[in-house]
Amino acid sequence: QVQFVESGGGLVQPGGSLRLSCTVSGFTLDYYAITWFRQAPGKGREGVSCISSSVGSSAANTYYADSVEGRFTVSRDNAKNTVYLQTNSLQSEDEADYYCARHTLGYCRGVDGGTMDFWGEGTLDNVSS
């Protein structure tokens, strides 16, 4: 049974940081690309970052939305079955529900291209002074 558990969200002041975690079970994380999405209240879903699988020619390639480039960093620890999203210099525009999704393939197609087959429930980032 495939499961995702996101954690690490919370209340932070502008300029602050949070590290989000996406811990998976029910499949071998090494072989899959994972994308982080976010959705702010009243807005559509936005792809934030993608990290390719740990195998093949595109191993661990990373992609970022322009809005977070240089501030967010995605990484993976397959031994812990976890993908991380380090979010720095947070702004009010970053306030959203963040969740991860598994690609059907092992590589990213940009930030949010391709087909996702499993989704997490999300963890909420509140950025407020």
Protein backbone atom coordinates (compact mmCIF):
# COMPACT_ATOMS: atom_id res chain seq x y z
CA GLN A 1 0.00 0.00 0.00
CA VAL A 2 1.54 3.27 -1.15
CA GLN A 3 1.51 6.00 1.46
CA PHE A 4 2.90 9.51 1.77
CA VAL A 5 3.31 11.49 4.97
CA GLU A 6 4.28 15.14 4.70
CA SER A 7 5.56 17.01 7.73
CA GLY A 8 7.55 20.06 8.73
CA GLY A 9 5.05 22.77 8.00
CA GLY A 10 4.18 25.45 10.52
CA LEU A 11 4.07 29.13 11.33
CA VAL A 12 7.13 31.16 10.35
CA GLN A 13 7.91 34.85 10.01
CA PRO A 14 8.82 36.38 6.64
CA GLY A 15 12.43 35.62 5.91
CA GLY A 16 12.32 32.43 7.92
CA SER A 17 12.90 28.82 6.89
CA LEU A 18 11.18 25.47 7.12
CA ARG A 19 12.26 22.00 6.06
CA LEU A 20 9.45 19.92 4.72
CA SER A 21 9.62 16.14 4.61
CA CYS A 22 7.79 13.65 2.45
CA THR A 23 8.18 10.15 3.86
CA VAL A 24 6.92 7.34 1.69
CA SER A 25 6.16 3.66 2.12
CA GLY A 26 4.87 0.83 -0.01
CA PHE A 27 7.36 1.27 -2.84
CA THR A 28 11.10 1.73 -3.47
CA LEU A 29 11.74 5.45 -3.53
CA ASP A 30 15.02 5.08 -5.45
CA TYR A 31 13.25 4.43 -8.74
CA TYR A 32 10.77 7.28 -8.78
CA ALA A 33 10.78 10.99 -9.42
CA ILE A 34 8.93 13.07 -6.83
CA THR A 35 7.41 16.51 -7.28
CA TRP A 36 6.46 18.98 -4.58
CA PHE A 37 3.32 20.97 -5.28
CA ARG A 38 1.64 23.73 -3.34
CA GLN A 39 -1.78 25.29 -3.28
CA ALA A 40 -2.59 28.57 -1.63
CA PRO A 41 -6.13 29.44 -0.50
CA GLY A 42 -8.23 30.44 -3.49
CA LYS A 43 -5.50 29.63 -5.98
CA GLY A 44 -4.68 26.76 -8.29
CA ARG A 45 -2.10 24.08 -7.72
CA GLU A 46 1.48 25.05 -8.54
CA GLY A 47 4.44 22.79 -9.15
CA VAL A 48 7.30 23.88 -6.90
CA SER A 49 10.15 21.43 -7.44
CA CYS A 50 10.91 18.02 -8.87
CA ILE A 51 13.73 15.58 -8.17
CA SER A 52 14.41 12.67 -10.48
CA SER A 53 15.02 9.13 -9.33
CA SER A 54 18.42 7.98 -8.12
CA VAL A 55 19.04 5.74 -11.13
CA GLY A 56 19.68 6.32 -14.78
CA SER A 57 21.16 9.18 -16.76
CA SER A 58 18.95 11.78 -15.10
CA ALA A 59 19.77 10.60 -11.58
CA ALA A 60 18.71 13.12 -8.94
CA ASN A 61 18.27 15.96 -11.43
CA THR A 62 16.35 18.81 -9.83
CA TYR A 63 13.97 21.43 -11.21
CA TYR A 64 12.44 24.51 -9.61
CA ALA A 65 9.67 26.95 -10.34
CA ASP A 66 10.96 30.44 -11.12
CA SER A 67 9.19 31.74 -8.03
CA VAL A 68 11.32 29.61 -5.68
CA GLU A 69 14.60 29.25 -7.61
CA GLY A 70 17.53 30.09 -5.35
CA ARG A 71 15.42 29.91 -2.17
CA PHE A 72 14.19 26.31 -2.10
CA THR A 73 16.26 23.11 -2.32
CA VAL A 74 14.92 19.63 -2.94
CA SER A 75 16.85 16.53 -1.90
CA ARG A 76 16.27 12.87 -1.22
CA ASP A 77 17.48 10.26 1.28
CA ASN A 78 16.44 6.91 -0.12
CA ALA A 79 17.66 5.05 2.95
CA LYS A 80 15.09 7.01 4.96
CA ASN A 81 12.44 6.83 2.24
CA THR A 82 12.19 10.58 2.42
CA VAL A 83 12.28 13.55 0.07
CA TYR A 84 12.98 16.96 1.60
CA LEU A 85 12.15 20.49 0.56
CA GLN A 86 14.26 23.11 2.30
CA THR A 87 12.41 26.41 2.06
CA ASN A 88 14.38 29.57 2.86
CA SER A 89 13.68 33.31 2.75
CA LEU A 90 9.98 32.58 2.98
CA GLN A 91 7.56 35.25 1.86
CA SER A 92 3.84 35.70 2.30
CA GLU A 93 3.38 34.45 -1.27
CA ASP A 94 4.83 31.09 -0.19
CA GLU A 95 2.02 30.48 2.28
CA ALA A 96 0.26 27.35 1.02
CA ASP A 97 -0.47 23.72 1.59
CA TYR A 98 2.56 21.77 0.34
CA TYR A 99 2.30 18.18 -0.76
CA CYS A 100 4.33 15.64 -2.70
CA ALA A 101 3.42 13.34 -5.54
CA ARG A 102 5.00 10.35 -7.22
CA HIS A 103 5.68 10.29 -10.95
CA THR A 104 4.84 7.21 -12.97
CA LEU A 105 8.34 7.54 -14.47
CA GLY A 106 11.76 7.85 -12.90
CA TYR A 107 12.58 11.26 -14.31
CA CYS A 108 11.14 14.74 -14.11
CA ARG A 109 9.72 16.60 -17.06
CA GLY A 110 10.48 20.05 -15.84
CA VAL A 111 8.90 21.07 -12.57
CA ASP A 112 5.47 19.51 -12.94
CA GLY A 113 5.25 17.80 -16.32
CA GLY A 114 4.42 14.14 -16.62
CA THR A 115 1.86 11.98 -14.87
CA MET A 116 1.53 11.55 -11.09
CA ASP A 117 -0.05 8.45 -9.69
CA PHE A 118 0.05 8.93 -5.91
CA TRP A 119 -0.36 12.09 -3.83
CA GLY A 120 0.20 13.01 -0.22
CA GLU A 121 -2.21 14.88 2.03
CA GLY A 122 -0.11 17.98 2.54
CA THR A 123 1.55 20.06 5.22
CA LEU A 124 0.64 23.69 5.75
CA ASP A 125 3.11 26.58 5.72
CA ASN A 126 1.92 29.78 7.35
CA VAL A 127 4.13 32.80 6.68
CA SER A 128 3.05 35.68 8.84
CA SER A 129 4.55 38.43 10.94
